[in-house]
Amino acid sequence: MLSSMSRTILMADPPGGGEPPKPFDPSKERDRGLGVKERAKSDRPPRFKVLLYNDNYTPMEFVVQVLEKVFGKSPSAATQIMLQIHRGGLGVAGVYVLEVAETKSATVHRMAEERGYPLRSGVEKE
C-alpha cells in the first residue's frame, strides 16, 4: 500500500515524464484522429405500383372490399380508387417494393378467382 505522499508524487508526474497534458479543445478534435467513419449510402430499393384493371363483370363493391382488405385503404379512399379504375380503365392501388407488390397482386387474383370474378391486377415500376 502506498502512503498518501507517494500517491501524490505519482499523480503529479505526467505520463512519459514530459510536459503536463493540454486542456481539451473541441475545435481540435478532428486533428487528434477522432473523425467520423464514413459509411457508403445504400440506394433505396426500387418501388412498384400495383395496378387494378377495369372489367365489365367485377362488382364495384368487391373492388372496394379488395382495396380495403388487401391494400389497407379507408372506405372513402377505396371508393375513390374504385371510381378511378371504373372511369379510367385502371388505378393505382398502392406502391411497394417488388416482393410486396407481387404478393398483393397475387392476393387480388386469388380473391377474385375464389368469387368467380375476372378482376386483374399488375405490377409496374414506378
N, C-alpha and C. Protein backbone atom coordinates (compact mmCIF):
# COMPACT_ATOMS: atom_id res chain seq x y z
N MET A 1 0.84 -1.17 0.00
CA MET A 1 0.00 0.00 0.00
C MET A 1 0.89 1.24 0.00
N LEU A 2 0.55 2.21 -0.83
CA LEU A 2 1.33 3.43 -0.93
C LEU A 2 0.84 4.44 0.08
N SER A 3 1.72 5.21 0.61
CA SER A 3 1.31 6.26 1.53
C SER A 3 0.70 7.39 0.73
N SER A 4 0.01 8.28 1.39
CA SER A 4 -0.63 9.39 0.69
C SER A 4 0.40 10.28 0.02
N MET A 5 1.57 10.39 0.56
CA MET A 5 2.62 11.23 -0.01
C MET A 5 3.12 10.62 -1.33
N SER A 6 3.33 9.31 -1.37
CA SER A 6 3.82 8.69 -2.60
C SER A 6 2.75 8.70 -3.68
N ARG A 7 1.46 8.59 -3.31
CA ARG A 7 0.38 8.69 -4.30
C ARG A 7 0.37 10.07 -4.93
N THR A 8 0.58 11.08 -4.17
CA THR A 8 0.60 12.44 -4.68
C THR A 8 1.74 12.62 -5.66
N ILE A 9 2.85 12.06 -5.35
CA ILE A 9 4.01 12.19 -6.24
C ILE A 9 3.75 11.46 -7.55
N LEU A 10 3.17 10.27 -7.48
CA LEU A 10 2.90 9.51 -8.70
C LEU A 10 1.88 10.22 -9.58
N MET A 11 0.88 10.83 -8.97
CA MET A 11 -0.14 11.50 -9.76
C MET A 11 0.38 12.80 -10.36
N ALA A 12 1.30 13.44 -9.70
CA ALA A 12 1.84 14.70 -10.20
C ALA A 12 2.76 14.48 -11.38
N ASP A 13 3.38 13.32 -11.48
CA ASP A 13 4.27 13.04 -12.61
C ASP A 13 3.44 12.73 -13.84
N PRO A 14 3.60 13.52 -14.91
CA PRO A 14 2.84 13.24 -16.12
C PRO A 14 3.35 11.96 -16.78
N PRO A 15 2.49 11.24 -17.46
CA PRO A 15 2.93 10.04 -18.16
C PRO A 15 3.95 10.41 -19.21
N GLY A 16 4.95 9.63 -19.36
CA GLY A 16 6.00 9.89 -20.33
C GLY A 16 7.05 10.84 -19.80
N GLY A 17 6.87 11.37 -18.62
CA GLY A 17 7.87 12.20 -17.98
C GLY A 17 8.04 13.57 -18.60
N GLY A 18 7.19 14.02 -19.51
CA GLY A 18 7.38 15.31 -20.18
C GLY A 18 6.50 16.38 -19.60
N GLU A 19 5.90 17.15 -20.49
CA GLU A 19 5.08 18.26 -20.08
C GLU A 19 3.67 17.79 -19.67
N PRO A 20 2.94 18.60 -18.91
CA PRO A 20 1.58 18.20 -18.47
C PRO A 20 0.62 18.16 -19.66
N PRO A 21 -0.47 17.40 -19.54
CA PRO A 21 -1.42 17.30 -20.67
C PRO A 21 -2.07 18.64 -20.96
N LYS A 22 -2.41 18.87 -22.24
CA LYS A 22 -3.04 20.12 -22.66
C LYS A 22 -4.53 20.05 -22.34
N PRO A 23 -5.16 21.19 -22.08
CA PRO A 23 -6.60 21.19 -21.83
C PRO A 23 -7.35 20.77 -23.10
N PHE A 24 -8.55 20.21 -22.92
CA PHE A 24 -9.37 19.73 -24.03
C PHE A 24 -9.85 20.90 -24.89
N ASP A 25 -9.64 20.80 -26.19
CA ASP A 25 -10.09 21.83 -27.13
C ASP A 25 -10.96 21.14 -28.18
N PRO A 26 -12.30 21.33 -28.13
CA PRO A 26 -13.18 20.64 -29.08
C PRO A 26 -12.90 20.98 -30.53
N SER A 27 -12.38 22.14 -30.81
CA SER A 27 -12.11 22.51 -32.20
C SER A 27 -10.98 21.68 -32.80
N LYS A 28 -10.15 21.07 -31.96
CA LYS A 28 -9.04 20.26 -32.45
C LYS A 28 -9.34 18.77 -32.37
N GLU A 29 -10.60 18.42 -32.13
CA GLU A 29 -10.99 17.02 -32.00
C GLU A 29 -10.63 16.23 -33.26
N ARG A 30 -10.88 16.80 -34.41
CA ARG A 30 -10.60 16.12 -35.67
C ARG A 30 -9.09 15.95 -35.86
N ASP A 31 -8.33 16.93 -35.41
CA ASP A 31 -6.88 16.85 -35.56
C ASP A 31 -6.28 15.71 -34.76
N ARG A 32 -6.99 15.27 -33.74
CA ARG A 32 -6.45 14.21 -32.92
C ARG A 32 -6.84 12.83 -33.43
N GLY A 33 -7.42 12.75 -34.61
CA GLY A 33 -7.70 11.46 -35.22
C GLY A 33 -8.99 10.81 -34.75
N LEU A 34 -9.93 11.58 -34.23
CA LEU A 34 -11.19 11.01 -33.78
C LEU A 34 -12.31 11.38 -34.74
N GLY A 35 -12.07 11.27 -36.02
CA GLY A 35 -13.06 11.62 -37.01
C GLY A 35 -14.18 10.59 -37.10
N VAL A 36 -15.20 10.91 -37.84
CA VAL A 36 -16.35 10.02 -38.03
C VAL A 36 -16.06 9.10 -39.21
N LYS A 37 -16.36 7.84 -39.02
CA LYS A 37 -16.15 6.86 -40.10
C LYS A 37 -17.25 7.03 -41.14
N GLU A 38 -16.85 7.17 -42.39
CA GLU A 38 -17.79 7.34 -43.49
C GLU A 38 -18.39 5.99 -43.87
N ARG A 39 -19.72 5.95 -44.03
CA ARG A 39 -20.39 4.75 -44.48
C ARG A 39 -20.97 5.01 -45.86
N ALA A 40 -20.88 4.00 -46.70
CA ALA A 40 -21.47 4.13 -48.03
C ALA A 40 -22.98 4.13 -47.90
N LYS A 41 -23.64 5.06 -48.56
CA LYS A 41 -25.09 5.13 -48.50
C LYS A 41 -25.66 4.09 -49.46
N SER A 42 -26.59 3.32 -48.95
CA SER A 42 -27.22 2.32 -49.80
C SER A 42 -28.41 2.96 -50.51
N ASP A 43 -28.62 2.56 -51.73
CA ASP A 43 -29.74 3.08 -52.51
C ASP A 43 -31.03 2.49 -51.98
N ARG A 44 -32.10 3.27 -52.09
CA ARG A 44 -33.41 2.76 -51.73
C ARG A 44 -33.83 1.73 -52.78
N PRO A 45 -34.50 0.69 -52.37
CA PRO A 45 -34.93 -0.31 -53.36
C PRO A 45 -35.96 0.31 -54.30
N PRO A 46 -35.99 -0.16 -55.53
CA PRO A 46 -36.98 0.40 -56.47
C PRO A 46 -38.40 0.11 -56.00
N ARG A 47 -39.30 0.99 -56.34
CA ARG A 47 -40.70 0.87 -55.92
C ARG A 47 -41.56 0.48 -57.13
N PHE A 48 -42.63 -0.26 -56.86
CA PHE A 48 -43.50 -0.76 -57.91
C PHE A 48 -44.96 -0.46 -57.58
N LYS A 49 -45.70 -0.03 -58.61
CA LYS A 49 -47.12 0.26 -58.45
C LYS A 49 -47.92 -1.03 -58.66
N VAL A 50 -48.92 -1.24 -57.84
CA VAL A 50 -49.87 -2.32 -58.06
C VAL A 50 -51.09 -1.68 -58.73
N LEU A 51 -51.36 -2.12 -59.95
CA LEU A 51 -52.46 -1.56 -60.73
C LEU A 51 -53.64 -2.52 -60.74
N LEU A 52 -54.84 -1.99 -60.65
CA LEU A 52 -56.06 -2.78 -60.83
C LEU A 52 -56.70 -2.32 -62.12
N TYR A 53 -57.16 -3.29 -62.92
CA TYR A 53 -57.73 -3.01 -64.23
C TYR A 53 -59.25 -3.18 -64.22
N ASN A 54 -59.92 -2.32 -64.94
CA ASN A 54 -61.37 -2.36 -65.03
C ASN A 54 -61.81 -3.53 -65.91
N ASP A 55 -62.94 -4.11 -65.54
CA ASP A 55 -63.60 -5.10 -66.40
C ASP A 55 -65.10 -4.86 -66.27
N ASN A 56 -65.89 -5.52 -67.10
CA ASN A 56 -67.34 -5.27 -67.12
C ASN A 56 -68.12 -6.20 -66.20
N TYR A 57 -67.45 -7.04 -65.42
CA TYR A 57 -68.16 -8.05 -64.64
C TYR A 57 -67.93 -7.97 -63.13
N THR A 58 -66.79 -7.50 -62.69
CA THR A 58 -66.50 -7.44 -61.26
C THR A 58 -67.30 -6.31 -60.62
N PRO A 59 -68.07 -6.63 -59.58
CA PRO A 59 -68.86 -5.58 -58.91
C PRO A 59 -67.97 -4.53 -58.24
N MET A 60 -68.43 -3.31 -58.26
CA MET A 60 -67.69 -2.21 -57.65
C MET A 60 -67.49 -2.44 -56.15
N GLU A 61 -68.48 -3.03 -55.50
CA GLU A 61 -68.37 -3.30 -54.06
C GLU A 61 -67.22 -4.25 -53.77
N PHE A 62 -67.01 -5.24 -54.65
CA PHE A 62 -65.92 -6.18 -54.45
C PHE A 62 -64.56 -5.47 -54.59
N VAL A 63 -64.45 -4.58 -55.56
CA VAL A 63 -63.20 -3.84 -55.76
C VAL A 63 -62.90 -2.98 -54.53
N VAL A 64 -63.92 -2.34 -53.97
CA VAL A 64 -63.74 -1.54 -52.76
C VAL A 64 -63.29 -2.45 -51.61
N GLN A 65 -63.91 -3.63 -51.51
CA GLN A 65 -63.55 -4.58 -50.46
C GLN A 65 -62.09 -5.02 -50.59
N VAL A 66 -61.64 -5.29 -51.80
CA VAL A 66 -60.24 -5.68 -52.05
C VAL A 66 -59.30 -4.55 -51.65
N LEU A 67 -59.63 -3.34 -52.04
CA LEU A 67 -58.78 -2.19 -51.70
C LEU A 67 -58.68 -1.98 -50.19
N GLU A 68 -59.76 -2.24 -49.47
CA GLU A 68 -59.74 -2.08 -48.02
C GLU A 68 -58.95 -3.20 -47.36
N LYS A 69 -59.21 -4.45 -47.76
CA LYS A 69 -58.60 -5.60 -47.08
C LYS A 69 -57.16 -5.85 -47.48
N VAL A 70 -56.86 -5.80 -48.76
CA VAL A 70 -55.52 -6.13 -49.24
C VAL A 70 -54.57 -4.93 -49.14
N PHE A 71 -55.08 -3.75 -49.45
CA PHE A 71 -54.22 -2.57 -49.52
C PHE A 71 -54.38 -1.62 -48.34
N GLY A 72 -55.26 -1.94 -47.41
CA GLY A 72 -55.40 -1.15 -46.20
C GLY A 72 -55.96 0.25 -46.43
N LYS A 73 -56.76 0.42 -47.45
CA LYS A 73 -57.33 1.74 -47.75
C LYS A 73 -58.56 1.98 -46.88
N SER A 74 -58.82 3.23 -46.59
CA SER A 74 -60.04 3.60 -45.87
C SER A 74 -61.22 3.44 -46.84
N PRO A 75 -62.44 3.33 -46.32
CA PRO A 75 -63.59 3.19 -47.23
C PRO A 75 -63.70 4.32 -48.25
N SER A 76 -63.44 5.55 -47.84
CA SER A 76 -63.54 6.67 -48.79
C SER A 76 -62.42 6.63 -49.83
N ALA A 77 -61.18 6.31 -49.39
CA ALA A 77 -60.06 6.21 -50.35
C ALA A 77 -60.29 5.05 -51.31
N ALA A 78 -60.79 3.93 -50.80
CA ALA A 78 -61.06 2.76 -51.65
C ALA A 78 -62.12 3.09 -52.69
N THR A 79 -63.14 3.84 -52.29
CA THR A 79 -64.20 4.23 -53.23
C THR A 79 -63.64 5.15 -54.31
N GLN A 80 -62.78 6.08 -53.93
CA GLN A 80 -62.18 6.99 -54.91
C GLN A 80 -61.33 6.23 -55.93
N ILE A 81 -60.53 5.29 -55.44
CA ILE A 81 -59.68 4.50 -56.35
C ILE A 81 -60.55 3.64 -57.25
N MET A 82 -61.61 3.04 -56.70
CA MET A 82 -62.51 2.22 -57.49
C MET A 82 -63.14 3.04 -58.62
N LEU A 83 -63.56 4.26 -58.30
CA LEU A 83 -64.15 5.12 -59.34
C LEU A 83 -63.12 5.49 -60.41
N GLN A 84 -61.88 5.69 -60.00
CA GLN A 84 -60.82 5.97 -60.97
C GLN A 84 -60.62 4.76 -61.89
N ILE A 85 -60.64 3.57 -61.32
CA ILE A 85 -60.50 2.34 -62.12
C ILE A 85 -61.69 2.22 -63.07
N HIS A 86 -62.88 2.47 -62.58
CA HIS A 86 -64.10 2.35 -63.38
C HIS A 86 -64.12 3.34 -64.55
N ARG A 87 -63.73 4.58 -64.26
CA ARG A 87 -63.80 5.62 -65.30
C ARG A 87 -62.59 5.62 -66.24
N GLY A 88 -61.41 5.34 -65.69
CA GLY A 88 -60.20 5.46 -66.50
C GLY A 88 -59.63 4.15 -67.00
N GLY A 89 -60.18 3.04 -66.57
CA GLY A 89 -59.69 1.75 -67.05
C GLY A 89 -58.67 1.08 -66.15
N LEU A 90 -58.00 1.88 -65.31
CA LEU A 90 -57.06 1.31 -64.34
C LEU A 90 -56.82 2.33 -63.24
N GLY A 91 -56.29 1.83 -62.12
CA GLY A 91 -55.99 2.70 -60.99
C GLY A 91 -54.87 2.11 -60.17
N VAL A 92 -54.17 2.96 -59.45
CA VAL A 92 -53.05 2.53 -58.60
C VAL A 92 -53.61 2.20 -57.22
N ALA A 93 -53.44 0.95 -56.82
CA ALA A 93 -53.92 0.52 -55.51
C ALA A 93 -52.89 0.82 -54.43
N GLY A 94 -51.60 0.83 -54.79
CA GLY A 94 -50.55 1.11 -53.82
C GLY A 94 -49.18 1.01 -54.47
N VAL A 95 -48.15 1.48 -53.76
CA VAL A 95 -46.77 1.44 -54.25
C VAL A 95 -45.92 0.76 -53.18
N TYR A 96 -45.17 -0.27 -53.60
CA TYR A 96 -44.42 -1.11 -52.67
C TYR A 96 -43.11 -1.57 -53.30
N VAL A 97 -42.27 -2.20 -52.48
CA VAL A 97 -41.10 -2.87 -53.05
C VAL A 97 -41.61 -4.08 -53.84
N LEU A 98 -40.79 -4.61 -54.72
CA LEU A 98 -41.23 -5.62 -55.69
C LEU A 98 -41.91 -6.82 -55.04
N GLU A 99 -41.30 -7.41 -54.02
CA GLU A 99 -41.84 -8.63 -53.43
C GLU A 99 -43.22 -8.39 -52.83
N VAL A 100 -43.39 -7.26 -52.16
CA VAL A 100 -44.68 -6.94 -51.55
C VAL A 100 -45.72 -6.68 -52.64
N ALA A 101 -45.33 -5.94 -53.68
CA ALA A 101 -46.25 -5.65 -54.78
C ALA A 101 -46.72 -6.93 -55.47
N GLU A 102 -45.80 -7.85 -55.72
CA GLU A 102 -46.17 -9.11 -56.36
C GLU A 102 -47.09 -9.94 -55.47
N THR A 103 -46.84 -9.95 -54.18
CA THR A 103 -47.68 -10.70 -53.25
C THR A 103 -49.09 -10.13 -53.21
N LYS A 104 -49.20 -8.81 -53.17
CA LYS A 104 -50.52 -8.18 -53.14
C LYS A 104 -51.27 -8.42 -54.45
N SER A 105 -50.58 -8.37 -55.57
CA SER A 105 -51.20 -8.65 -56.85
C SER A 105 -51.72 -10.08 -56.91
N ALA A 106 -50.93 -11.03 -56.42
CA ALA A 106 -51.35 -12.43 -56.40
C ALA A 106 -52.55 -12.62 -55.47
N THR A 107 -52.58 -11.89 -54.36
CA THR A 107 -53.71 -11.97 -53.43
C THR A 107 -54.99 -11.48 -54.09
N VAL A 108 -54.89 -10.40 -54.87
CA VAL A 108 -56.05 -9.88 -55.60
C VAL A 108 -56.57 -10.95 -56.57
N HIS A 109 -55.66 -11.58 -57.33
CA HIS A 109 -56.07 -12.61 -58.29
C HIS A 109 -56.75 -13.77 -57.58
N ARG A 110 -56.18 -14.20 -56.44
CA ARG A 110 -56.74 -15.32 -55.70
C ARG A 110 -58.14 -14.99 -55.18
N MET A 111 -58.30 -13.80 -54.59
CA MET A 111 -59.61 -13.40 -54.06
C MET A 111 -60.65 -13.32 -55.17
N ALA A 112 -60.28 -12.75 -56.31
CA ALA A 112 -61.22 -12.63 -57.43
C ALA A 112 -61.58 -14.00 -57.99
N GLU A 113 -60.60 -14.85 -58.11
CA GLU A 113 -60.83 -16.20 -58.64
C GLU A 113 -61.76 -16.99 -57.73
N GLU A 114 -61.57 -16.88 -56.40
CA GLU A 114 -62.42 -17.59 -55.44
C GLU A 114 -63.89 -17.21 -55.58
N ARG A 115 -64.14 -15.98 -55.99
CA ARG A 115 -65.52 -15.50 -56.12
C ARG A 115 -66.00 -15.51 -57.57
N GLY A 116 -65.14 -15.95 -58.48
CA GLY A 116 -65.55 -16.07 -59.88
C GLY A 116 -65.54 -14.76 -60.66
N TYR A 117 -64.75 -13.79 -60.21
CA TYR A 117 -64.66 -12.51 -60.90
C TYR A 117 -63.38 -12.46 -61.73
N PRO A 118 -63.42 -11.74 -62.86
CA PRO A 118 -62.23 -11.65 -63.72
C PRO A 118 -61.31 -10.47 -63.37
N LEU A 119 -61.40 -9.92 -62.17
CA LEU A 119 -60.57 -8.77 -61.79
C LEU A 119 -59.10 -9.10 -61.96
N ARG A 120 -58.37 -8.22 -62.64
CA ARG A 120 -56.94 -8.41 -62.88
C ARG A 120 -56.18 -7.26 -62.25
N SER A 121 -54.96 -7.62 -61.84
CA SER A 121 -54.05 -6.60 -61.32
C SER A 121 -52.67 -6.86 -61.92
N GLY A 122 -51.83 -5.85 -61.88
CA GLY A 122 -50.49 -5.97 -62.42
C GLY A 122 -49.52 -5.14 -61.61
N VAL A 123 -48.24 -5.36 -61.85
CA VAL A 123 -47.17 -4.64 -61.15
C VAL A 123 -46.35 -3.92 -62.20
N GLU A 124 -46.10 -2.63 -61.94
CA GLU A 124 -45.35 -1.80 -62.89
C GLU A 124 -44.37 -0.94 -62.11
N LYS A 125 -43.17 -0.78 -62.63
CA LYS A 125 -42.17 0.04 -61.96
C LYS A 125 -42.63 1.48 -61.90
N GLU A 126 -42.39 2.10 -60.74
CA GLU A 126 -42.82 3.49 -60.52
C GLU A 126 -42.00 4.45 -61.35
